[in-house]
């Protein structure tokens, strides 16, 4: 019936941190209140988006600069060129692999008997068939460029035209 203060330290839970997934796959946890503007100041030409609102086929919804990141939520820091682009299945797979325990295994290197090194991520993708790793590497390296169709002239047969 009074004030009780525990002599143990507070245990960090998922609800006490805000997690940021960077485009490199690195995850950083913040256990103190932070605004999106601080992240955008540290990482220019990037925006912060909440993964709770992300759905395949919809556009990225960036947080405002004055929005404070909520504890227990996961956010992603994306390049500004992707601001008005649509969320793809590759983006969702990247978030899933980054935030799961499998990402730790994916960062390790497996050496086979022939002394060739392959990453664990490529093995996971090959066995589980989540997405095409080459397409992901292409997208990560090249960014999201606009796709312009090749326009070719259509030649018509003049013999069908009657005088």
C-alpha atoms as a PDB file:
ATOM      1  CA  UNK A   1       0.000   0.000   0.000  1.00  0.00           C
ATOM      2  CA  UNK A   2       2.536   2.532  -0.849  1.00  0.00           C
ATOM      3  CA  UNK A   3       5.028   3.259  -3.484  1.00  0.00           C
ATOM      4  CA  UNK A   4       6.992   0.192  -4.534  1.00  0.00           C
ATOM      5  CA  UNK A   5      10.185   0.459  -6.504  1.00  0.00           C
ATOM      6  CA  UNK A   6      11.861  -2.646  -7.809  1.00  0.00           C
ATOM      7  CA  UNK A   7      15.583  -3.021  -7.251  1.00  0.00           C
ATOM      8  CA  UNK A   8      16.006  -4.934 -10.505  1.00  0.00           C
ATOM      9  CA  UNK A   9      16.829  -3.300 -13.786  1.00  0.00           C
ATOM     10  CA  UNK A  10      14.177  -2.974 -16.405  1.00  0.00           C
ATOM     11  CA  UNK A  11      14.272  -5.729 -19.007  1.00  0.00           C
ATOM     12  CA  UNK A  12      14.282  -4.543 -22.596  1.00  0.00           C
ATOM     13  CA  UNK A  13      11.245  -5.919 -24.362  1.00  0.00           C
ATOM     14  CA  UNK A  14      10.040  -5.486 -27.894  1.00  0.00           C
ATOM     15  CA  UNK A  15       7.494  -2.934 -26.625  1.00  0.00           C
ATOM     16  CA  UNK A  16      10.177  -0.715 -25.073  1.00  0.00           C
ATOM     17  CA  UNK A  17      12.146  -0.054 -28.263  1.00  0.00           C
ATOM     18  CA  UNK A  18      11.498   1.390 -31.682  1.00  0.00           C
ATOM     19  CA  UNK A  19      13.309  -0.586 -34.379  1.00  0.00           C
ATOM     20  CA  UNK A  20      14.647   0.932 -37.595  1.00  0.00           C
ATOM     21  CA  UNK A  21      15.543  -1.312 -40.547  1.00  0.00           C
ATOM     22  CA  UNK A  22      18.086   0.339 -42.833  1.00  0.00           C
ATOM     23  CA  UNK A  23      18.309  -0.365 -46.565  1.00  0.00           C
ATOM     24  CA  UNK A  24      21.531  -2.292 -45.854  1.00  0.00           C
ATOM     25  CA  UNK A  25      19.645  -4.757 -43.633  1.00  0.00           C
ATOM     26  CA  UNK A  26      21.073  -3.393 -40.390  1.00  0.00           C
ATOM     27  CA  UNK A  27      18.623  -2.968 -37.517  1.00  0.00           C
ATOM     28  CA  UNK A  28      19.006  -0.252 -34.907  1.00  0.00           C
ATOM     29  CA  UNK A  29      16.928  -0.120 -31.737  1.00  0.00           C
ATOM     30  CA  UNK A  30      16.042   3.103 -29.952  1.00  0.00           C
ATOM     31  CA  UNK A  31      14.963   2.869 -26.327  1.00  0.00           C
ATOM     32  CA  UNK A  32      14.288   6.594 -26.048  1.00  0.00           C
ATOM     33  CA  UNK A  33      11.775   8.819 -27.836  1.00  0.00           C
ATOM     34  CA  UNK A  34      13.014   9.908 -31.241  1.00  0.00           C
ATOM     35  CA  UNK A  35      11.422  11.879 -34.044  1.00  0.00           C
ATOM     36  CA  UNK A  36      11.590  11.005 -37.719  1.00  0.00           C
ATOM     37  CA  UNK A  37      13.332  14.338 -38.362  1.00  0.00           C
ATOM     38  CA  UNK A  38      16.361  13.214 -36.339  1.00  0.00           C
ATOM     39  CA  UNK A  39      16.773  10.127 -38.515  1.00  0.00           C
ATOM     40  CA  UNK A  40      16.243  12.080 -41.719  1.00  0.00           C
ATOM     41  CA  UNK A  41      18.829  14.618 -40.537  1.00  0.00           C
ATOM     42  CA  UNK A  42      21.367  11.842 -39.853  1.00  0.00           C
ATOM     43  CA  UNK A  43      20.545  10.118 -43.153  1.00  0.00           C
ATOM     44  CA  UNK A  44      19.797  12.755 -45.815  1.00  0.00           C
ATOM     45  CA  UNK A  45      17.823  11.725 -48.910  1.00  0.00           C
ATOM     46  CA  UNK A  46      15.986   9.047 -46.894  1.00  0.00           C
ATOM     47  CA  UNK A  47      12.489   8.864 -45.457  1.00  0.00           C
ATOM     48  CA  UNK A  48      10.996   6.866 -42.590  1.00  0.00           C
ATOM     49  CA  UNK A  49       7.967   4.618 -43.114  1.00  0.00           C
ATOM     50  CA  UNK A  50       6.097   2.410 -40.678  1.00  0.00           C
ATOM     51  CA  UNK A  51       6.009  -1.279 -41.573  1.00  0.00           C
ATOM     52  CA  UNK A  52       2.599  -1.622 -39.916  1.00  0.00           C
ATOM     53  CA  UNK A  53       0.991   0.313 -42.784  1.00  0.00           C
ATOM     54  CA  UNK A  54       2.891  -1.395 -45.598  1.00  0.00           C
ATOM     55  CA  UNK A  55       0.905  -3.595 -47.951  1.00  0.00           C
ATOM     56  CA  UNK A  56       1.936  -4.979 -51.323  1.00  0.00           C
ATOM     57  CA  UNK A  57       0.499  -2.881 -54.132  1.00  0.00           C
ATOM     58  CA  UNK A  58       0.134   0.298 -52.066  1.00  0.00           C
ATOM     59  CA  UNK A  59       2.502   3.238 -52.024  1.00  0.00           C
ATOM     60  CA  UNK A  60       5.001   3.909 -49.241  1.00  0.00           C
ATOM     61  CA  UNK A  61       3.520   6.265 -46.650  1.00  0.00           C
ATOM     62  CA  UNK A  62       6.305   8.393 -45.226  1.00  0.00           C
ATOM     63  CA  UNK A  63       6.117   9.744 -41.698  1.00  0.00           C
ATOM     64  CA  UNK A  64       6.122  13.480 -41.201  1.00  0.00           C
ATOM     65  CA  UNK A  65       9.292  15.078 -39.880  1.00  0.00           C
ATOM     66  CA  UNK A  66       7.641  15.960 -36.579  1.00  0.00           C
ATOM     67  CA  UNK A  67       6.154  12.476 -36.026  1.00  0.00           C
ATOM     68  CA  UNK A  68       7.583  10.639 -33.043  1.00  0.00           C
ATOM     69  CA  UNK A  69       8.422   6.961 -33.476  1.00  0.00           C
ATOM     70  CA  UNK A  70       6.237   4.759 -31.290  1.00  0.00           C
ATOM     71  CA  UNK A  71       7.842   2.221 -28.996  1.00  0.00           C
ATOM     72  CA  UNK A  72       7.171  -1.360 -30.047  1.00  0.00           C
ATOM     73  CA  UNK A  73       6.837  -0.496 -33.733  1.00  0.00           C
ATOM     74  CA  UNK A  74       9.158  -1.348 -36.604  1.00  0.00           C
ATOM     75  CA  UNK A  75      10.120   1.296 -39.154  1.00  0.00           C
ATOM     76  CA  UNK A  76      12.106   1.199 -42.372  1.00  0.00           C
ATOM     77  CA  UNK A  77      14.478   3.876 -43.668  1.00  0.00           C
ATOM     78  CA  UNK A  78      14.201   4.063 -47.456  1.00  0.00           C
ATOM     79  CA  UNK A  79      15.903   6.095 -50.167  1.00  0.00           C
ATOM     80  CA  UNK A  80      13.964   9.198 -51.193  1.00  0.00           C
ATOM     81  CA  UNK A  81      13.746   7.939 -54.800  1.00  0.00           C
ATOM     82  CA  UNK A  82      11.344   5.249 -53.551  1.00  0.00           C
ATOM     83  CA  UNK A  83       8.951   7.746 -51.925  1.00  0.00           C
ATOM     84  CA  UNK A  84       6.102   7.482 -54.440  1.00  0.00           C
ATOM     85  CA  UNK A  85       6.821   3.931 -55.556  1.00  0.00           C
ATOM     86  CA  UNK A  86       4.647   0.922 -54.829  1.00  0.00           C
ATOM     87  CA  UNK A  87       5.558  -1.631 -52.161  1.00  0.00           C
ATOM     88  CA  UNK A  88       6.595  -4.880 -53.850  1.00  0.00           C
ATOM     89  CA  UNK A  89       6.850  -8.434 -52.585  1.00  0.00           C
ATOM     90  CA  UNK A  90      10.631  -8.031 -52.655  1.00  0.00           C
ATOM     91  CA  UNK A  91      10.349  -5.143 -50.203  1.00  0.00           C
ATOM     92  CA  UNK A  92       8.207  -7.231 -47.871  1.00  0.00           C
ATOM     93  CA  UNK A  93      10.601 -10.186 -48.141  1.00  0.00           C
ATOM     94  CA  UNK A  94      13.524  -7.880 -47.343  1.00  0.00           C
ATOM     95  CA  UNK A  95      11.750  -6.591 -44.229  1.00  0.00           C
ATOM     96  CA  UNK A  96      10.833 -10.117 -43.181  1.00  0.00           C
ATOM     97  CA  UNK A  97      14.385 -11.400 -43.611  1.00  0.00           C
ATOM     98  CA  UNK A  98      15.872  -8.365 -41.887  1.00  0.00           C
ATOM     99  CA  UNK A  99      13.628  -8.503 -38.871  1.00  0.00           C
ATOM    100  CA  UNK A 100      13.596 -12.242 -38.311  1.00  0.00           C
ATOM    101  CA  UNK A 101      16.115 -14.402 -36.545  1.00  0.00           C
ATOM    102  CA  UNK A 102      17.031 -15.927 -39.905  1.00  0.00           C
ATOM    103  CA  UNK A 103      18.888 -12.749 -40.823  1.00  0.00           C
ATOM    104  CA  UNK A 104      21.563 -13.561 -38.260  1.00  0.00           C
ATOM    105  CA  UNK A 105      22.066 -16.937 -39.932  1.00  0.00           C
ATOM    106  CA  UNK A 106      22.020 -15.286 -43.346  1.00  0.00           C
ATOM    107  CA  UNK A 107      24.948 -13.040 -42.457  1.00  0.00           C
ATOM    108  CA  UNK A 108      27.162 -16.005 -41.670  1.00  0.00           C
ATOM    109  CA  UNK A 109      29.342 -17.541 -44.360  1.00  0.00           C
ATOM    110  CA  UNK A 110      29.213 -21.228 -45.178  1.00  0.00           C
ATOM    111  CA  UNK A 111      32.354 -22.829 -46.609  1.00  0.00           C
ATOM    112  CA  UNK A 112      31.825 -26.067 -48.495  1.00  0.00           C
ATOM    113  CA  UNK A 113      34.380 -28.752 -49.335  1.00  0.00           C
ATOM    114  CA  UNK A 114      35.403 -27.072 -52.594  1.00  0.00           C
ATOM    115  CA  UNK A 115      36.522 -23.944 -50.700  1.00  0.00           C
ATOM    116  CA  UNK A 116      33.859 -21.803 -52.327  1.00  0.00           C
ATOM    117  CA  UNK A 117      31.972 -19.425 -50.099  1.00  0.00           C
ATOM    118  CA  UNK A 118      28.272 -18.862 -50.395  1.00  0.00           C
ATOM    119  CA  UNK A 119      26.095 -16.777 -48.156  1.00  0.00           C
ATOM    120  CA  UNK A 120      23.443 -18.389 -46.048  1.00  0.00           C
ATOM    121  CA  UNK A 121      20.902 -15.921 -47.482  1.00  0.00           C
ATOM    122  CA  UNK A 122      21.291 -17.427 -50.958  1.00  0.00           C
ATOM    123  CA  UNK A 123      20.765 -20.909 -49.497  1.00  0.00           C
ATOM    124  CA  UNK A 124      17.592 -19.815 -47.693  1.00  0.00           C
ATOM    125  CA  UNK A 125      16.208 -18.268 -50.838  1.00  0.00           C
ATOM    126  CA  UNK A 126      17.067 -21.323 -52.931  1.00  0.00           C
ATOM    127  CA  UNK A 127      15.474 -23.785 -50.518  1.00  0.00           C
ATOM    128  CA  UNK A 128      12.475 -21.768 -49.370  1.00  0.00           C
ATOM    129  CA  UNK A 129      11.803 -20.052 -52.704  1.00  0.00           C
ATOM    130  CA  UNK A 130      10.823 -16.743 -51.124  1.00  0.00           C
ATOM    131  CA  UNK A 131      11.972 -14.497 -53.966  1.00  0.00           C
ATOM    132  CA  UNK A 132      14.549 -14.289 -56.705  1.00  0.00           C
ATOM    133  CA  UNK A 133      17.909 -13.300 -55.140  1.00  0.00           C
ATOM    134  CA  UNK A 134      19.293 -11.952 -58.425  1.00  0.00           C
ATOM    135  CA  UNK A 135      16.328  -9.624 -58.802  1.00  0.00           C
ATOM    136  CA  UNK A 136      16.812  -8.414 -55.235  1.00  0.00           C
ATOM    137  CA  UNK A 137      20.525  -7.764 -55.833  1.00  0.00           C
ATOM    138  CA  UNK A 138      19.655  -5.885 -59.025  1.00  0.00           C
ATOM    139  CA  UNK A 139      17.065  -3.735 -57.255  1.00  0.00           C
ATOM    140  CA  UNK A 140      19.350  -3.038 -54.306  1.00  0.00           C
ATOM    141  CA  UNK A 141      22.227  -2.069 -56.593  1.00  0.00           C
ATOM    142  CA  UNK A 142      20.382  -0.110 -59.225  1.00  0.00           C
ATOM    143  CA  UNK A 143      17.602   1.464 -57.212  1.00  0.00           C
ATOM    144  CA  UNK A 144      14.153   1.896 -58.618  1.00  0.00           C
ATOM    145  CA  UNK A 145      14.560   3.173 -62.155  1.00  0.00           C
ATOM    146  CA  UNK A 146      11.633   3.857 -64.400  1.00  0.00           C
ATOM    147  CA  UNK A 147      10.970   1.222 -66.992  1.00  0.00           C
ATOM    148  CA  UNK A 148      10.578   2.668 -70.442  1.00  0.00           C
ATOM    149  CA  UNK A 149       9.154   0.336 -73.053  1.00  0.00           C
ATOM    150  CA  UNK A 150      10.996   0.060 -76.316  1.00  0.00           C
ATOM    151  CA  UNK A 151       8.865   1.631 -79.005  1.00  0.00           C
ATOM    152  CA  UNK A 152       9.188   0.236 -82.486  1.00  0.00           C
ATOM    153  CA  UNK A 153       7.513   1.394 -85.655  1.00  0.00           C
ATOM    154  CA  UNK A 154       4.789  -0.814 -86.973  1.00  0.00           C
ATOM    155  CA  UNK A 155       5.196  -1.296 -90.684  1.00  0.00           C
ATOM    156  CA  UNK A 156       1.927  -1.712 -92.525  1.00  0.00           C
ATOM    157  CA  UNK A 157       1.410  -3.690 -95.674  1.00  0.00           C
ATOM    158  CA  UNK A 158       0.544  -1.245 -98.489  1.00  0.00           C
ATOM    159  CA  UNK A 159      -0.961  -3.975-100.697  1.00  0.00           C
ATOM    160  CA  UNK A 160      -4.167  -3.972 -98.654  1.00  0.00           C
ATOM    161  CA  UNK A 161      -4.916  -0.332 -99.392  1.00  0.00           C
ATOM    162  CA  UNK A 162      -7.211   0.068-102.438  1.00  0.00           C
ATOM    163  CA  UNK A 163      -7.058   3.124-104.673  1.00  0.00           C
END
